[in-house]
Amino acid sequence: MQLVRQKEDFRRGGMPKAPLVLVAGLVVAALASGCAAEDAPTGRPGGKAAAGPQAPQAYGNDAARALAGYSAQLKEAQAARVTAAKKWKLAKVPLAAPAPPAVKPKITNRPGFETDGGDSLPPVFTTVPTKDRIVFLTIDDGAEKDPALLQMMRELRIPYSAFLSDYLVHTDYPYFKRMQGLGVTLNNHTLNHRYMPGLSYGEQRHEICDQQDKIEKWAGKRPRLFRPPYGNYNEDTLRAAQSCGVKAVPLWAAEAFPDHMEWREWDRDLHPGDIVLTHFRGRGDWKGTMPDMVRQVMKVITEKGYAVARLEDYV
C-alpha cells in the first residue's frame, strides 16, 4: 500500500440540501402526471382520453406554479449568494452546485492506495467519480472554534464536511452541534490524532471505534466516514474502522491554507470530484483566520469554474 503523509505542521495539535431539489421533483411529477393522464386508455378508438378542458389545464397550472416557485427560489438563492460574497469579501460569487445524483456513484480504492484486503474493506480515495465540475470541502481536527466560520458558510451556502478528533473538540461540543444543526456532517478523525500504522489493531480500534461511540453519544449520529490522521493507514486501520460502522475513507487531492493551495496531482489543478482538505486553524497556527482560508480556497475553486458540493450526497 502507499502511505499518504500530511504536512508536518499539523501533527500537533454543508450545508443542508437546498429545497430546490424537492421543488424540481414536484415539477417533474406534475409534468409526468399530465402526460400519464393524456395517455390513459378510454375504450375509444385509438385508446386515448379525450382532451377535455379541465384536467390538462389543471396539470398545466400545477406545473407552471411549481416552475415559477422553483425559478423564484433560484433567484432568491443567487441574490443571497451575491450579497454574502460582498459581505465576506470574496473575489467572486461562488458557483451553485448541481443537484446531487439520484443514485450515489460507486466508490472504489484509488490505485496504489488499497491494502491486501482489497475491495472487502472500506475504499480509500481522493476523488469522487463524477463528470460535474464540483469539488468537496472537508475540514479536519477541531482546534479552532471560530463562530465567524459558521456564519460565513451559512450565508454563503457553501457545504463542507467535518472530520473531528475528540481531544480537540471535547472542550466545546456545542460549537460542533451548532455546525451540525446547519447541515454539516460530523465524521471520525480518531480520539487523539495518533499515527495509525504505529499502533496495534486493538489500539487502532480504540482510537477509531471509541470516537464513533463518542460522536454518536453527543451528536446523535454515528459517522459513516473516517479519515486517518496524516492520511496514514494500514490494513488494520481499515479493518478496525469497518468493524464499527465506517463505510468509506476519503483522503484528499488538494489542501487549502489562508495564503496558498498545495496539490497532490502532478498538474497542480482541480478535477471533477476532487476532495479538498483544510483544518480548523487560526492565526496561532497559520497566516490567517478561518474566513481568510475560505476566501482563498473559494477564489481558487470559483476561478477554475468549480462549485462546492456536499460530500455525503455522493458517498
Protein backbone atom coordinates (compact mmCIF):
# COMPACT_ATOMS: atom_id res chain seq x y z
CA MET A 1 0.00 0.00 0.00
CA GLN A 2 1.00 3.61 -0.29
CA LEU A 3 1.18 5.78 2.80
CA VAL A 4 -0.04 9.32 2.36
CA ARG A 5 1.58 11.83 4.67
CA GLN A 6 0.03 15.10 5.67
CA LYS A 7 2.09 18.22 6.31
CA GLU A 8 4.29 18.11 9.40
CA ASP A 9 2.87 21.47 10.58
CA PHE A 10 -0.37 19.77 11.60
CA ARG A 11 0.96 16.81 13.55
CA ARG A 12 0.33 18.67 16.78
CA GLY A 13 -2.18 19.83 17.75
CA GLY A 14 -22.72 21.60 4.24
CA MET A 15 -24.85 22.90 4.40
CA PRO A 16 -28.27 21.31 4.27
CA LYS A 17 -29.60 20.22 0.94
CA ALA A 18 -31.43 23.06 -0.73
CA PRO A 19 -35.19 22.59 -1.05
CA LEU A 20 -34.87 23.27 -4.75
CA VAL A 21 -34.38 19.57 -5.47
CA LEU A 22 -37.74 18.78 -3.92
CA VAL A 23 -39.45 21.52 -5.90
CA ALA A 24 -37.82 20.30 -9.11
CA GLY A 25 -39.09 16.83 -8.30
CA LEU A 26 -42.60 18.16 -7.90
CA VAL A 27 -42.31 19.86 -11.26
CA VAL A 28 -41.29 16.60 -12.91
CA ALA A 29 -44.07 14.75 -11.10
CA ALA A 30 -46.66 17.25 -12.23
CA LEU A 31 -45.49 17.07 -15.83
CA ALA A 32 -45.36 13.27 -15.71
CA SER A 33 -48.85 13.12 -14.26
CA GLY A 34 -50.12 15.29 -17.07
CA CYS A 35 -48.56 13.01 -19.67
CA ALA A 36 -49.96 9.92 -17.99
CA ALA A 37 -53.45 11.39 -17.98
CA GLU A 38 -53.22 12.23 -21.65
CA ASP A 39 -52.17 8.66 -22.49
CA ALA A 40 -54.77 6.90 -20.34
CA PRO A 41 -56.91 4.35 -22.26
CA THR A 42 -60.63 5.08 -22.53
CA GLY A 43 -62.03 2.25 -24.68
CA ARG A 44 -62.40 4.70 -27.55
CA PRO A 45 -60.68 4.10 -30.89
CA GLY A 46 -57.04 4.91 -30.55
CA GLY A 47 -57.07 4.30 -26.79
CA LYS A 48 -56.54 7.99 -25.89
CA ALA A 49 -58.52 10.11 -23.49
CA ALA A 50 -60.43 13.00 -24.91
CA ALA A 51 -58.56 16.26 -24.43
CA GLY A 52 -61.08 17.71 -22.01
CA PRO A 53 -60.54 21.33 -20.98
CA GLN A 54 -60.29 20.84 -17.18
CA ALA A 55 -57.77 18.09 -16.38
CA PRO A 56 -54.98 19.13 -18.75
CA GLN A 57 -55.47 22.75 -17.68
CA ALA A 58 -55.15 21.77 -14.02
CA TYR A 59 -51.94 19.85 -14.65
CA GLY A 60 -50.59 22.76 -16.64
CA ASN A 61 -51.34 25.21 -13.85
CA ASP A 62 -49.71 22.97 -11.23
CA ALA A 63 -46.58 22.61 -13.31
CA ALA A 64 -46.47 26.31 -14.08
CA ARG A 65 -46.81 27.22 -10.40
CA ALA A 66 -44.11 24.74 -9.44
CA LEU A 67 -41.79 26.06 -12.14
CA ALA A 68 -42.45 29.64 -11.08
CA GLY A 69 -41.72 28.76 -7.46
CA TYR A 70 -38.56 26.92 -8.43
CA SER A 71 -37.38 29.87 -10.52
CA ALA A 72 -38.12 32.29 -7.68
CA GLN A 73 -36.13 30.20 -5.23
CA LEU A 74 -33.20 30.04 -7.63
CA LYS A 75 -33.23 33.82 -8.00
CA GLU A 76 -33.54 34.30 -4.24
CA ALA A 77 -30.65 31.92 -3.53
CA GLN A 78 -28.44 33.63 -6.11
CA ALA A 79 -29.26 37.09 -4.73
CA ALA A 80 -28.39 35.90 -1.21
CA ARG A 81 -25.14 34.42 -2.53
CA VAL A 82 -24.20 37.72 -4.20
CA THR A 83 -24.92 39.69 -1.04
CA ALA A 84 -22.95 37.27 1.13
CA ALA A 85 -19.99 37.26 -1.26
CA LYS A 86 -19.77 41.05 -0.98
CA LYS A 87 -20.12 40.96 2.80
CA TRP A 88 -17.37 38.37 3.22
CA LYS A 89 -15.14 40.00 0.58
CA LEU A 90 -14.92 37.06 -1.78
CA ALA A 91 -13.26 37.73 -5.11
CA LYS A 92 -16.17 36.13 -6.97
CA VAL A 93 -19.61 34.79 -6.16
CA PRO A 94 -19.42 31.02 -5.51
CA LEU A 95 -20.98 28.87 -8.20
CA ALA A 96 -24.04 26.83 -7.30
CA ALA A 97 -23.59 23.05 -7.36
CA PRO A 98 -25.96 20.92 -9.45
CA ALA A 99 -28.49 18.67 -7.76
CA PRO A 100 -26.86 15.50 -6.39
CA PRO A 101 -27.34 12.25 -8.28
CA ALA A 102 -30.39 10.12 -7.54
CA VAL A 103 -28.04 7.16 -7.12
CA LYS A 104 -24.65 7.67 -5.48
CA PRO A 105 -21.65 6.69 -7.61
CA LYS A 106 -19.72 3.53 -6.80
CA ILE A 107 -16.66 4.43 -4.73
CA THR A 108 -13.56 2.28 -5.21
CA ASN A 109 -9.98 2.36 -3.96
CA ARG A 110 -7.64 4.78 -5.66
CA PRO A 111 -4.99 2.63 -7.42
CA GLY A 112 -1.98 2.27 -5.16
CA PHE A 113 -3.95 3.14 -2.03
CA GLU A 114 -5.51 -0.28 -1.45
CA THR A 115 -4.30 -2.84 1.10
CA ASP A 116 -4.21 -6.62 0.80
CA GLY A 117 -7.84 -6.64 1.98
CA GLY A 118 -8.80 -5.06 -1.34
CA ASP A 119 -12.46 -4.37 -2.05
CA SER A 120 -13.62 -6.16 1.10
CA LEU A 121 -12.53 -3.15 3.18
CA PRO A 122 -13.76 0.48 3.13
CA PRO A 123 -12.40 2.20 -0.01
CA VAL A 124 -9.65 4.80 0.27
CA PHE A 125 -9.97 7.56 -2.32
CA THR A 126 -9.12 11.20 -3.09
CA THR A 127 -11.69 11.91 -5.80
CA VAL A 128 -15.36 11.02 -6.21
CA PRO A 129 -16.44 9.67 -9.63
CA THR A 130 -18.41 12.44 -11.35
CA LYS A 131 -18.34 14.41 -14.59
CA ASP A 132 -19.78 17.53 -12.93
CA ARG A 133 -17.41 20.41 -12.22
CA ILE A 134 -17.72 20.07 -8.47
CA VAL A 135 -15.30 19.57 -5.59
CA PHE A 136 -15.83 18.72 -1.92
CA LEU A 137 -14.54 20.80 1.00
CA THR A 138 -13.53 18.95 4.18
CA ILE A 139 -12.18 20.39 7.44
CA ASP A 140 -10.12 18.36 9.93
CA ASP A 141 -9.32 18.16 13.63
CA GLY A 142 -11.30 20.84 15.50
CA ALA A 143 -8.71 23.05 17.22
CA GLU A 144 -10.14 26.42 16.12
CA LYS A 145 -13.76 27.07 17.01
CA ASP A 146 -14.43 30.31 15.17
CA PRO A 147 -18.08 31.48 15.24
CA ALA A 148 -17.37 33.57 12.14
CA LEU A 149 -16.81 30.38 10.13
CA LEU A 150 -20.30 29.11 10.94
CA GLN A 151 -21.89 32.41 9.96
CA MET A 152 -19.81 32.78 6.80
CA MET A 153 -20.51 29.30 5.46
CA ARG A 154 -24.21 29.55 6.29
CA GLU A 155 -24.59 32.88 4.50
CA LEU A 156 -22.52 31.80 1.50
CA ARG A 157 -24.35 28.45 1.41
CA ILE A 158 -21.09 26.54 0.99
CA PRO A 159 -21.35 22.88 2.08
CA TYR A 160 -18.49 21.19 3.90
CA SER A 161 -17.78 18.09 5.97
CA ALA A 162 -16.00 17.97 9.35
CA PHE A 163 -13.60 15.22 10.46
CA LEU A 164 -13.19 15.54 14.21
CA SER A 165 -10.64 14.43 16.82
CA ASP A 166 -12.09 14.24 20.31
CA TYR A 167 -9.05 15.56 22.17
CA LEU A 168 -9.63 18.89 20.39
CA VAL A 169 -13.41 19.11 20.15
CA HIS A 170 -14.37 17.88 23.63
CA THR A 171 -13.78 21.34 25.10
CA ASP A 172 -16.68 22.75 23.06
CA TYR A 173 -19.08 20.10 21.77
CA PRO A 174 -21.85 22.77 21.50
CA TYR A 175 -19.86 24.57 18.77
CA PHE A 176 -19.88 21.46 16.62
CA LYS A 177 -23.51 20.74 17.47
CA ARG A 178 -24.34 24.19 16.08
CA MET A 179 -22.36 23.26 12.99
CA GLN A 180 -24.32 20.02 12.71
CA GLY A 181 -27.56 21.98 13.05
CA LEU A 182 -26.55 23.93 9.94
CA GLY A 183 -26.39 20.70 7.97
CA VAL A 184 -22.70 19.79 8.34
CA THR A 185 -21.96 16.07 8.77
CA LEU A 186 -19.62 15.26 11.66
CA ASN A 187 -17.18 12.49 10.74
CA ASN A 188 -14.45 10.49 12.51
CA HIS A 189 -10.79 11.60 12.75
CA THR A 190 -9.93 9.44 15.83
CA LEU A 191 -9.82 10.23 19.53
CA ASN A 192 -6.27 11.54 19.82
CA HIS A 193 -4.93 12.03 16.28
CA ARG A 194 -2.25 9.35 16.56
CA TYR A 195 -0.19 7.81 13.77
CA MET A 196 -2.27 4.74 12.96
CA PRO A 197 0.30 2.36 11.39
CA GLY A 198 2.39 2.64 14.55
CA LEU A 199 -0.41 1.18 16.67
CA SER A 200 -1.63 -2.37 17.19
CA TYR A 201 -5.01 -3.44 15.82
CA GLY A 202 -6.54 -3.11 19.29
CA GLU A 203 -5.09 0.37 19.79
CA GLN A 204 -6.35 1.48 16.39
CA ARG A 205 -9.78 0.09 17.13
CA HIS A 206 -9.82 2.06 20.39
CA GLU A 207 -8.90 5.29 18.57
CA ILE A 208 -11.49 4.82 15.81
CA CYS A 209 -14.37 2.95 17.41
CA ASP A 210 -14.38 4.86 20.70
CA GLN A 211 -14.56 8.05 18.65
CA GLN A 212 -17.51 6.54 16.77
CA ASP A 213 -19.22 5.99 20.12
CA LYS A 214 -18.40 9.47 21.42
CA ILE A 215 -19.70 11.28 18.35
CA GLU A 216 -22.86 9.17 18.38
CA LYS A 217 -23.39 9.99 22.05
CA TRP A 218 -23.01 13.78 21.90
CA ALA A 219 -24.03 14.43 18.29
CA GLY A 220 -26.74 11.78 17.98
CA LYS A 221 -25.48 10.18 14.79
CA ARG A 222 -22.82 7.55 14.14
CA PRO A 223 -20.32 8.55 11.43
CA ARG A 224 -20.07 6.62 8.17
CA LEU A 225 -16.84 8.30 7.02
CA PHE A 226 -13.40 8.17 8.61
CA ARG A 227 -10.15 9.95 7.79
CA PRO A 228 -6.94 8.65 9.37
CA PRO A 229 -4.62 11.25 10.91
CA TYR A 230 -1.96 12.48 8.47
CA GLY A 231 -3.63 10.31 5.82
CA ASN A 232 -1.61 7.32 7.09
CA TYR A 233 -3.17 3.87 7.49
CA ASN A 234 -2.58 0.15 7.06
CA GLU A 235 -4.87 -2.84 6.70
CA ASP A 236 -5.51 -2.95 10.45
CA THR A 237 -6.76 0.65 10.25
CA LEU A 238 -9.33 -0.24 7.64
CA ARG A 239 -10.39 -3.45 9.37
CA ALA A 240 -10.81 -1.60 12.66
CA ALA A 241 -12.82 1.18 11.01
CA GLN A 242 -15.05 -1.31 9.23
CA SER A 243 -15.72 -3.18 12.47
CA CYS A 244 -17.51 -0.19 13.97
CA GLY A 245 -19.52 1.06 11.02
CA VAL A 246 -17.19 3.05 8.77
CA LYS A 247 -18.14 2.71 5.10
CA ALA A 248 -15.51 4.82 3.33
CA VAL A 249 -12.17 6.56 3.91
CA PRO A 250 -11.90 9.84 1.97
CA LEU A 251 -8.44 11.39 1.82
CA TRP A 252 -7.78 14.47 -0.34
CA ALA A 253 -6.45 15.71 -3.67
CA ALA A 254 -5.60 19.27 -2.58
CA GLU A 255 -5.04 21.16 0.66
CA ALA A 256 -6.11 24.74 1.39
CA PHE A 257 -4.35 27.37 3.52
CA PRO A 258 -5.14 31.07 4.01
CA ASP A 259 -2.40 32.11 1.58
CA HIS A 260 -1.93 29.19 -0.85
CA MET A 261 -3.01 25.75 -2.07
CA GLU A 262 -0.99 22.55 -2.09
CA TRP A 263 -1.63 19.79 -4.60
CA ARG A 264 -1.32 16.02 -4.77
CA GLU A 265 -1.56 15.67 -8.55
CA TRP A 266 1.29 16.43 -10.93
CA ASP A 267 -0.71 19.06 -12.85
CA ARG A 268 -1.37 21.12 -9.68
CA ASP A 269 -5.01 21.56 -10.63
CA LEU A 270 -8.56 20.66 -9.62
CA HIS A 271 -10.50 17.84 -11.27
CA PRO A 272 -14.20 16.89 -11.13
CA GLY A 273 -14.93 15.22 -7.80
CA ASP A 274 -11.69 16.20 -6.05
CA ILE A 275 -11.72 16.32 -2.25
CA VAL A 276 -10.13 19.42 -0.74
CA LEU A 277 -8.66 19.30 2.76
CA THR A 278 -8.22 22.14 5.21
CA HIS A 279 -8.13 22.46 9.00
CA PHE A 280 -9.86 24.16 11.90
CA ARG A 281 -6.96 26.55 12.49
CA GLY A 282 -6.42 30.20 13.35
CA ARG A 283 -3.64 32.77 13.47
CA GLY A 284 -1.77 30.75 16.07
CA ASP A 285 -1.15 28.01 13.50
CA TRP A 286 -1.10 29.67 10.12
CA LYS A 287 -1.11 33.07 8.42
CA GLY A 288 -4.76 33.94 8.74
CA THR A 289 -8.18 33.10 10.10
CA MET A 290 -10.77 30.54 9.05
CA PRO A 291 -12.60 33.16 6.94
CA ASP A 292 -9.26 34.04 5.29
CA MET A 293 -8.86 30.37 4.36
CA VAL A 294 -12.38 30.22 2.92
CA ARG A 295 -11.75 33.33 0.82
CA GLN A 296 -8.54 31.80 -0.57
CA VAL A 297 -9.91 28.36 -1.34
CA MET A 298 -13.12 29.73 -2.87
CA LYS A 299 -11.11 32.11 -5.03
CA VAL A 300 -9.26 29.14 -6.50
CA ILE A 301 -12.33 26.91 -6.80
CA THR A 302 -14.54 29.56 -8.40
CA GLU A 303 -11.91 30.90 -10.79
CA LYS A 304 -11.34 27.38 -12.06
CA GLY A 305 -15.07 27.04 -12.78
CA TYR A 306 -15.98 24.64 -9.98
CA ALA A 307 -18.75 24.61 -7.40
CA VAL A 308 -18.60 23.04 -3.93
CA ALA A 309 -20.97 20.10 -3.37
CA ARG A 310 -21.81 18.10 -0.26
CA LEU A 311 -19.62 15.02 0.08
CA GLU A 312 -22.23 12.90 1.85
CA ASP A 313 -24.62 13.32 -1.10
CA TYR A 314 -22.14 11.36 -3.22
CA VAL A 315 -20.53 8.91 -0.78
